[in-house]
Amino acid sequence: MNEFEQRSRYEEQEPIKKSYRLKSIMSTVMAGVVGSAMTLAAVNYTEVNAGSQHQPQTESAAETDSNIITTPTSTKDSGSIADIIETSSKSIVGITNIQAQSNPFSQSQGNVESGSGSGVIFKKEGNSAFIVTNNHVIEGASKVEVSLYNGEKVDAEVVGADALTDLAVVKIDAAKAEDVIEFGDSSELRAGDQVLAIGNPLGLDLSRTVTQGIVSAIDRSISVPTSAGEWEMNVIQTDAAINPGNSGGALIDTDGKVIGINSLKISQNGVEGLGFAIPSNEALPIVNQLMEKGEVERPYLGVSLADLAQIPDMYLENLPDSVDSGTMVTYVDPESAAAAAGLQKQDVIIGINDEKVENASELRRYMYTKLQTGDNVELKIYRDGKQQTLKVAISAASPE
């Protein structure tokens, strides 16, 4: 394997998002700014001499049939804010991520608290009560502990998690859950609507803290690094304070309904009031799939990709000057849909169906949001300087 292949063989799930040629300079600068500012809203703990590997310290902040649905929000006064909070807070829980520790200087082994966040009890069914939270709150946990409204702590079982959308569902004994809270319809939100954030900033000592603000903007698109790769997340922007530990908590409207799952904030000197929540209408299809299947099934092309800005010029000599965007295939899974369609290493993908492909992230987003397993698509590629069109029958995701 030559140096180019070694450097460019990234998994399809983890492309590095950059622009091509002249744009790459500005992209690098902006990526540095955004990357240092955007943080997840979970509290991470560091145990002295614990010996375990923790995630880096952060300043933590295809639809299916289901009976979990959104309910329209009303415009009438539903009561005082205090009344809304008193009712809603019973459904907000604390979530502690407990991970196994390994101390190289001791024979003993045990568990340590790696971090904490928040969660929302949204459904009771049979003997189980279900809680939605962020994936980064429970990721890597060997044990998940839930702190209830009355202060009781109970063990939880992970039902399913999705790193790409940063959502997870856990369940506890239904007898332990005092109340549930309904989802509202986030599509009805407007900039200026009043919202309330409930969660556990800085850990469980400040559990069910309430902050108030407005919807600063809707339909924001933010590039977020996840353990499954870079992802463009659609979010609600709010100036309600979202602090470390608020991750997975509820952003509620004045009807006391959940219209967002608090997830992110921008933390940077001179920046205030930039918090973000996953809209309820974006979260529910993912939650439904996690409830039913334990995972989110996505179409699988079967290639590793590198954007053109990552590729040495010697591999781009045959491309016409007019091609200033796209993503190059660096590896093809021999058992994949891409291989069956004839896609080859060093092919440059510039389009899928009628959509232009700027980079690997755009290709993946198109596949994950507009395609299903079994769909037939057309890929526009350049091979040896000539444009071609390949027809691909999209397969199911590759097993891990």
Protein backbone atom coordinates (compact mmCIF):
# COMPACT_ATOMS: atom_id res chain seq x y z
CA MET A 1 0.00 0.00 0.00
CA ASN A 2 1.54 3.34 -1.05
CA GLU A 3 1.66 6.52 1.04
CA PHE A 4 -1.44 7.99 -0.58
CA GLU A 5 -3.50 4.88 0.13
CA GLN A 6 -2.32 4.79 3.73
CA ARG A 7 -3.25 8.40 4.31
CA SER A 8 -6.56 8.34 2.48
CA ARG A 9 -8.14 5.10 3.62
CA TYR A 10 -10.74 6.51 5.90
CA GLU A 11 -13.97 4.70 6.64
CA GLU A 12 -17.04 5.91 4.83
CA GLN A 13 -18.54 6.89 8.16
CA GLU A 14 -15.72 9.26 9.01
CA PRO A 15 -14.89 11.59 6.10
CA ILE A 16 -13.03 14.81 6.83
CA LYS A 17 -15.05 17.70 5.56
CA LYS A 18 -13.03 20.17 3.50
CA SER A 19 -13.43 22.22 0.34
CA TYR A 20 -11.26 22.08 -2.77
CA ARG A 21 -8.15 24.08 -3.68
CA LEU A 22 -8.57 27.80 -2.92
CA LYS A 23 -11.49 27.19 -0.57
CA SER A 24 -9.43 24.87 1.57
CA ILE A 25 -7.51 27.74 3.20
CA MET A 26 -10.66 29.43 4.47
CA SER A 27 -12.17 26.07 5.41
CA THR A 28 -9.15 25.26 7.55
CA VAL A 29 -9.40 28.58 9.37
CA MET A 30 -13.14 28.31 9.94
CA ALA A 31 -12.93 24.67 10.96
CA GLY A 32 -10.42 25.62 13.65
CA VAL A 33 -12.72 28.32 15.01
CA VAL A 34 -15.86 26.22 15.00
CA GLY A 35 -14.08 23.11 16.24
CA SER A 36 -12.74 24.89 19.29
CA ALA A 37 -16.02 26.60 20.05
CA MET A 38 -18.65 23.90 19.57
CA THR A 39 -18.96 21.61 22.56
CA LEU A 40 -21.29 18.91 23.75
CA ALA A 41 -23.19 19.64 26.92
CA ALA A 42 -22.28 16.72 29.16
CA VAL A 43 -20.24 16.88 32.34
CA ASN A 44 -17.14 14.67 32.22
CA TYR A 45 -15.46 13.56 35.43
CA THR A 46 -11.76 12.82 35.85
CA GLU A 47 -10.84 10.47 38.66
CA VAL A 48 -7.33 10.90 40.10
CA ASN A 49 -5.27 7.69 39.66
CA ALA A 50 -8.32 5.91 38.23
CA GLY A 51 -6.25 4.56 35.38
CA SER A 52 -9.19 4.46 32.97
CA GLN A 53 -9.37 6.14 29.61
CA HIS A 54 -11.95 8.89 29.45
CA GLN A 55 -13.26 10.86 26.53
CA PRO A 56 -11.54 14.25 26.13
CA GLN A 57 -12.78 16.82 28.61
CA THR A 58 -15.59 18.79 26.99
CA GLU A 59 -17.70 21.61 28.16
CA SER A 60 -20.65 19.65 28.15
CA ALA A 61 -23.91 20.84 26.83
CA ALA A 62 -36.45 6.94 7.57
CA GLU A 63 -39.60 7.20 9.70
CA THR A 64 -41.29 4.19 11.33
CA ASP A 65 -44.78 3.58 12.62
CA SER A 66 -45.04 4.17 16.34
CA ASN A 67 -47.41 5.43 18.97
CA ILE A 68 -44.85 8.07 19.92
CA ILE A 69 -46.16 11.14 18.13
CA THR A 70 -45.98 14.88 18.45
CA THR A 71 -48.95 16.86 19.69
CA PRO A 72 -49.78 20.32 18.39
CA THR A 73 -48.88 23.21 20.65
CA SER A 74 -51.64 25.62 21.59
CA THR A 75 -51.49 29.39 21.60
CA LYS A 76 -53.47 29.88 24.79
CA ASP A 77 -51.90 30.48 28.20
CA SER A 78 -51.35 27.11 29.80
CA GLY A 79 -50.61 28.52 33.26
CA SER A 80 -47.74 30.19 35.03
CA ILE A 81 -44.15 29.24 34.30
CA ALA A 82 -43.86 27.94 37.85
CA ASP A 83 -46.82 25.61 37.28
CA ILE A 84 -45.32 24.36 34.01
CA ILE A 85 -41.95 23.70 35.63
CA GLU A 86 -43.49 21.98 38.64
CA THR A 87 -45.30 19.55 36.36
CA SER A 88 -42.55 19.04 33.80
CA SER A 89 -39.68 18.59 36.24
CA LYS A 90 -41.04 15.26 37.44
CA SER A 91 -40.16 13.80 34.03
CA ILE A 92 -36.59 15.14 33.94
CA VAL A 93 -33.89 12.82 35.25
CA GLY A 94 -30.16 12.82 35.77
CA ILE A 95 -28.06 10.25 33.93
CA THR A 96 -24.65 9.09 35.13
CA ASN A 97 -22.22 7.33 32.80
CA ILE A 98 -20.28 4.72 34.76
CA GLN A 99 -17.28 3.10 33.10
CA ALA A 100 -14.98 0.28 34.10
CA GLN A 101 -11.60 1.45 35.33
CA SER A 102 -8.29 -0.28 34.90
CA ASN A 103 -5.44 0.72 37.20
CA PRO A 104 -2.07 -0.56 35.96
CA PHE A 105 -0.61 -0.11 39.46
CA SER A 106 -3.26 -2.17 41.23
CA GLN A 107 -4.84 -5.59 40.94
CA SER A 108 -8.22 -4.13 41.83
CA GLN A 109 -10.79 -3.23 39.22
CA GLY A 110 -13.99 -1.28 39.56
CA ASN A 111 -16.27 1.36 38.11
CA VAL A 112 -15.93 5.12 38.07
CA GLU A 113 -18.33 7.88 37.14
CA SER A 114 -17.15 9.12 33.77
CA GLY A 115 -19.71 11.85 33.22
CA SER A 116 -23.28 12.92 33.67
CA GLY A 117 -26.11 14.49 31.73
CA SER A 118 -29.88 14.71 31.66
CA GLY A 119 -32.77 12.74 30.24
CA VAL A 120 -36.51 12.97 29.62
CA ILE A 121 -39.08 10.30 30.56
CA PHE A 122 -41.39 10.32 27.56
CA LYS A 123 -43.22 6.98 27.61
CA LYS A 124 -44.45 4.17 29.87
CA GLU A 125 -45.27 0.82 28.36
CA GLY A 126 -45.78 -2.39 30.27
CA ASN A 127 -43.17 -2.66 32.98
CA SER A 128 -40.80 -0.15 31.42
CA ALA A 129 -40.45 3.61 31.35
CA PHE A 130 -38.44 5.02 28.46
CA ILE A 131 -36.02 7.94 28.62
CA VAL A 132 -34.49 9.88 25.73
CA THR A 133 -31.06 11.44 26.14
CA ASN A 134 -27.97 12.23 24.08
CA ASN A 135 -25.74 9.44 22.81
CA HIS A 136 -22.65 11.24 24.09
CA VAL A 137 -24.10 11.12 27.61
CA ILE A 138 -24.17 7.30 27.73
CA GLU A 139 -21.51 6.42 25.14
CA GLY A 140 -18.91 3.96 26.40
CA ALA A 141 -20.78 3.26 29.62
CA SER A 142 -20.54 -0.15 31.26
CA LYS A 143 -23.42 0.91 33.50
CA VAL A 144 -26.00 3.69 33.28
CA GLU A 145 -27.58 5.11 36.43
CA VAL A 146 -30.69 7.31 36.48
CA SER A 147 -31.43 9.82 39.25
CA LEU A 148 -35.16 10.37 39.65
CA TYR A 149 -37.22 13.37 40.76
CA ASN A 150 -37.45 12.06 44.34
CA GLY A 151 -33.67 11.60 44.55
CA GLU A 152 -33.71 7.83 44.13
CA LYS A 153 -31.05 6.30 41.88
CA VAL A 154 -31.88 3.26 39.73
CA ASP A 155 -30.03 1.24 37.12
CA ALA A 156 -31.04 1.76 33.48
CA GLU A 157 -30.75 -0.44 30.41
CA VAL A 158 -29.71 1.01 27.06
CA VAL A 159 -32.44 0.30 24.50
CA GLY A 160 -30.58 1.80 21.56
CA ALA A 161 -28.20 4.59 20.61
CA ASP A 162 -27.20 6.44 17.46
CA ALA A 163 -23.90 8.31 17.49
CA LEU A 164 -24.52 10.19 14.25
CA THR A 165 -27.66 11.98 15.46
CA ASP A 166 -26.45 11.98 19.08
CA LEU A 167 -29.62 10.37 20.44
CA ALA A 168 -30.13 7.43 22.76
CA VAL A 169 -32.99 5.70 24.59
CA VAL A 170 -32.67 3.96 27.95
CA LYS A 171 -35.33 2.29 30.09
CA ILE A 172 -36.03 1.82 33.76
CA ASP A 173 -38.70 0.06 35.83
CA ALA A 174 -42.01 1.80 35.11
CA ALA A 175 -42.90 1.74 38.81
CA LYS A 176 -40.00 4.10 39.46
CA ALA A 177 -41.12 6.73 36.95
CA GLU A 178 -43.39 9.31 38.54
CA ASP A 179 -44.56 10.98 35.36
CA VAL A 180 -44.02 11.32 31.61
CA ILE A 181 -43.93 14.41 29.41
CA GLU A 182 -45.36 14.81 25.92
CA PHE A 183 -43.52 15.87 22.79
CA GLY A 184 -44.70 19.02 21.08
CA ASP A 185 -44.55 19.94 17.41
CA SER A 186 -41.25 21.75 16.77
CA SER A 187 -42.35 22.74 13.25
CA GLU A 188 -44.66 25.33 14.80
CA LEU A 189 -41.83 27.17 16.51
CA ARG A 190 -40.99 30.72 15.52
CA ALA A 191 -38.06 32.93 16.42
CA GLY A 192 -39.06 34.80 19.56
CA ASP A 193 -41.17 32.02 21.11
CA GLN A 194 -40.51 31.62 24.80
CA VAL A 195 -38.80 28.38 25.85
CA LEU A 196 -37.51 26.80 29.06
CA ALA A 197 -34.55 24.48 29.49
CA ILE A 198 -34.55 21.93 32.30
CA GLY A 199 -31.54 19.79 33.16
CA ASN A 200 -28.66 19.15 35.50
CA PRO A 201 -25.94 21.76 34.88
CA LEU A 202 -22.57 20.88 36.40
CA GLY A 203 -23.90 17.55 37.66
CA LEU A 204 -26.61 16.16 39.89
CA ASP A 205 -26.04 18.64 42.73
CA LEU A 206 -27.92 21.21 40.65
CA SER A 207 -30.52 18.79 39.29
CA ARG A 208 -33.57 20.08 37.45
CA THR A 209 -32.24 23.61 37.10
CA VAL A 210 -34.52 25.79 34.97
CA THR A 211 -33.34 28.49 32.57
CA GLN A 212 -35.54 30.71 30.47
CA GLY A 213 -35.08 32.23 27.05
CA ILE A 214 -36.48 32.46 23.57
CA VAL A 215 -36.07 30.62 20.31
CA SER A 216 -33.28 32.59 18.72
CA ALA A 217 -33.55 30.83 15.35
CA ILE A 218 -34.98 27.68 13.82
CA ASP A 219 -33.57 25.33 11.19
CA ARG A 220 -29.94 26.02 11.98
CA SER A 221 -27.51 23.58 10.38
CA ILE A 222 -24.33 22.93 12.35
CA SER A 223 -21.45 20.58 11.57
CA VAL A 224 -20.88 18.44 14.65
CA PRO A 225 -18.07 15.93 15.21
CA THR A 226 -19.40 12.60 16.49
CA SER A 227 -17.84 9.21 17.14
CA ALA A 228 -19.45 8.10 13.86
CA GLY A 229 -17.99 10.98 11.86
CA GLU A 230 -18.91 14.54 10.97
CA TRP A 231 -22.63 15.25 10.69
CA GLU A 232 -24.70 18.27 9.72
CA MET A 233 -27.23 18.52 12.52
CA ASN A 234 -30.44 20.54 12.21
CA VAL A 235 -31.01 22.35 15.49
CA ILE A 236 -33.04 24.96 17.32
CA GLN A 237 -30.95 27.88 18.52
CA THR A 238 -31.87 29.34 21.92
CA ASP A 239 -30.48 31.84 24.38
CA ALA A 240 -31.77 29.82 27.34
CA ALA A 241 -28.64 28.86 29.25
CA ILE A 242 -27.43 25.36 28.39
CA ASN A 243 -24.51 24.42 30.60
CA PRO A 244 -22.34 21.33 31.09
CA GLY A 245 -24.70 18.60 32.28
CA ASN A 246 -27.74 19.87 30.36
CA SER A 247 -27.17 17.39 27.54
CA GLY A 248 -30.22 15.22 27.00
CA GLY A 249 -32.50 17.51 28.98
CA ALA A 250 -35.70 19.07 27.76
CA LEU A 251 -36.30 22.30 25.91
CA ILE A 252 -39.98 22.90 26.55
CA ASP A 253 -42.55 25.39 25.30
CA THR A 254 -45.10 27.33 27.33
CA ASP A 255 -47.51 24.40 27.07
CA GLY A 256 -45.04 22.26 28.98
CA LYS A 257 -44.27 20.05 25.97
CA VAL A 258 -40.84 18.95 24.80
CA ILE A 259 -39.93 20.70 21.57
CA GLY A 260 -36.22 19.94 21.70
CA ILE A 261 -33.50 17.83 23.32
CA ASN A 262 -30.72 20.08 24.61
CA SER A 263 -27.42 19.02 23.13
CA LEU A 264 -24.87 21.70 22.22
CA LYS A 265 -23.52 25.10 23.05
CA ILE A 266 -20.84 27.40 21.70
CA SER A 267 -18.32 28.13 24.43
CA GLN A 268 -15.82 30.81 23.53
CA ASN A 269 -14.61 34.06 25.02
CA GLY A 270 -16.97 36.83 24.05
CA VAL A 271 -19.79 34.46 23.08
CA GLU A 272 -22.94 34.18 25.18
CA GLY A 273 -26.39 32.67 24.75
CA LEU A 274 -25.67 30.27 21.88
CA GLY A 275 -27.26 26.98 22.84
CA PHE A 276 -28.73 24.35 20.55
CA ALA A 277 -31.35 21.62 20.83
CA ILE A 278 -32.36 18.78 18.54
CA PRO A 279 -35.94 19.57 17.38
CA SER A 280 -38.58 17.13 18.56
CA ASN A 281 -39.68 16.43 14.98
CA GLU A 282 -36.08 15.52 14.07
CA ALA A 283 -35.62 13.40 17.19
CA LEU A 284 -38.83 11.36 17.10
CA PRO A 285 -38.15 9.28 13.95
CA ILE A 286 -34.78 8.33 15.42
CA VAL A 287 -36.28 7.57 18.83
CA ASN A 288 -38.93 5.39 17.19
CA GLN A 289 -36.30 3.35 15.37
CA LEU A 290 -34.23 2.95 18.50
CA MET A 291 -37.32 1.76 20.37
CA GLU A 292 -38.21 -0.78 17.68
CA LYS A 293 -34.81 -2.00 16.45
CA GLY A 294 -32.21 -0.77 18.89
CA GLU A 295 -30.38 1.02 16.09
CA VAL A 296 -30.91 3.25 13.08
CA GLU A 297 -30.73 1.39 9.77
CA ARG A 298 -29.10 3.40 7.01
CA PRO A 299 -28.27 2.79 3.35
CA TYR A 300 -24.75 1.55 2.68
CA LEU A 301 -22.72 2.36 -0.41
CA GLY A 302 -19.58 0.48 0.61
CA VAL A 303 -16.74 2.91 -0.08
CA SER A 304 -14.13 4.91 1.76
CA LEU A 305 -13.88 8.51 0.62
CA ALA A 306 -11.51 11.46 0.67
CA ASP A 307 -12.49 14.96 -0.42
CA LEU A 308 -10.48 16.57 -3.21
CA ALA A 309 -8.69 18.97 -0.88
CA GLN A 310 -7.12 15.94 0.79
CA ILE A 311 -5.84 14.41 -2.43
CA PRO A 312 -2.33 15.12 -3.77
CA ASP A 313 -2.44 17.01 -7.08
CA MET A 314 -0.76 14.15 -8.93
CA TYR A 315 -3.96 12.11 -8.55
CA LEU A 316 -6.13 14.93 -9.93
CA GLU A 317 -4.25 15.70 -13.15
CA ASN A 318 -6.91 14.09 -15.36
CA LEU A 319 -9.76 16.09 -13.90
CA PRO A 320 -11.11 18.96 -16.01
CA ASP A 321 -10.51 22.42 -14.57
CA SER A 322 -14.28 22.85 -14.24
CA VAL A 323 -14.43 20.12 -11.57
CA ASP A 324 -13.83 22.00 -8.33
CA SER A 325 -15.74 19.76 -5.91
CA GLY A 326 -16.49 16.14 -5.26
CA THR A 327 -15.07 13.22 -3.32
CA MET A 328 -12.65 10.49 -4.38
CA VAL A 329 -13.15 6.79 -3.75
CA THR A 330 -10.13 5.44 -1.85
CA TYR A 331 -11.45 1.93 -1.14
CA VAL A 332 -14.33 -0.25 -2.35
CA ASP A 333 -15.81 -3.02 -0.22
CA PRO A 334 -15.77 -6.01 -2.59
CA GLU A 335 -19.12 -7.24 -1.20
CA SER A 336 -20.87 -3.88 -1.45
CA ALA A 337 -23.37 -2.22 -3.76
CA ALA A 338 -20.57 0.03 -5.03
CA ALA A 339 -18.51 -2.94 -6.14
CA ALA A 340 -21.51 -4.53 -7.86
CA ALA A 341 -22.10 -1.30 -9.78
CA GLY A 342 -18.48 -1.13 -10.95
CA LEU A 343 -17.26 1.76 -8.81
CA GLN A 344 -13.46 1.76 -8.61
CA LYS A 345 -10.74 3.24 -6.46
CA GLN A 346 -9.79 6.80 -7.54
CA ASP A 347 -13.19 7.42 -9.14
CA VAL A 348 -14.32 10.96 -8.30
CA ILE A 349 -18.00 11.21 -7.37
CA ILE A 350 -19.47 14.57 -8.37
CA GLY A 351 -23.21 13.87 -8.24
CA ILE A 352 -25.92 11.55 -7.01
CA ASN A 353 -29.19 11.50 -8.95
CA ASP A 354 -29.80 15.17 -9.74
CA GLU A 355 -27.86 16.52 -6.76
CA LYS A 356 -24.33 17.90 -6.94
CA VAL A 357 -21.89 16.32 -4.50
CA GLU A 358 -19.57 18.89 -2.95
CA ASN A 359 -17.91 16.51 -0.50
CA ALA A 360 -18.25 13.20 1.31
CA SER A 361 -20.48 14.65 4.02
CA GLU A 362 -23.00 15.87 1.45
CA LEU A 363 -23.06 12.46 -0.23
CA ARG A 364 -23.65 10.71 3.05
CA ARG A 365 -26.33 13.17 4.16
CA TYR A 366 -28.20 12.70 0.88
CA MET A 367 -28.09 8.94 1.29
CA TYR A 368 -29.17 8.96 4.93
CA THR A 369 -32.02 11.43 4.53
CA LYS A 370 -33.40 10.71 1.06
CA LEU A 371 -32.64 7.07 0.31
CA GLN A 372 -33.69 3.71 1.64
CA THR A 373 -32.23 0.25 1.31
CA GLY A 374 -33.08 -1.14 -2.13
CA ASP A 375 -33.35 2.25 -3.86
CA ASN A 376 -31.66 2.63 -7.24
CA VAL A 377 -29.53 5.73 -7.72
CA GLU A 378 -27.29 7.21 -10.38
CA LEU A 379 -23.77 8.28 -9.45
CA LYS A 380 -22.02 10.77 -11.68
CA ILE A 381 -18.28 10.14 -11.62
CA TYR A 382 -15.05 11.03 -13.35
CA ARG A 383 -12.72 8.17 -14.24
CA ASP A 384 -9.49 8.76 -16.15
CA GLY A 385 -10.68 12.26 -16.98
CA LYS A 386 -13.99 11.14 -18.51
CA GLN A 387 -17.45 11.57 -17.00
CA GLN A 388 -19.55 8.46 -16.54
CA THR A 389 -22.85 7.53 -14.90
CA LEU A 390 -23.16 4.38 -12.80
CA LYS A 391 -26.42 2.87 -11.58
CA VAL A 392 -26.25 1.56 -8.01
CA ALA A 393 -28.77 -0.52 -6.07
CA ILE A 394 -28.28 0.68 -2.50
CA SER A 395 -27.78 -2.11 0.05
CA ALA A 396 -28.28 -2.34 3.79
CA ALA A 397 -25.63 -1.02 6.14
CA SER A 398 -22.56 -3.15 6.51
CA PRO A 399 -22.47 -5.14 9.75
CA GLU A 400 -19.95 -3.95 12.28
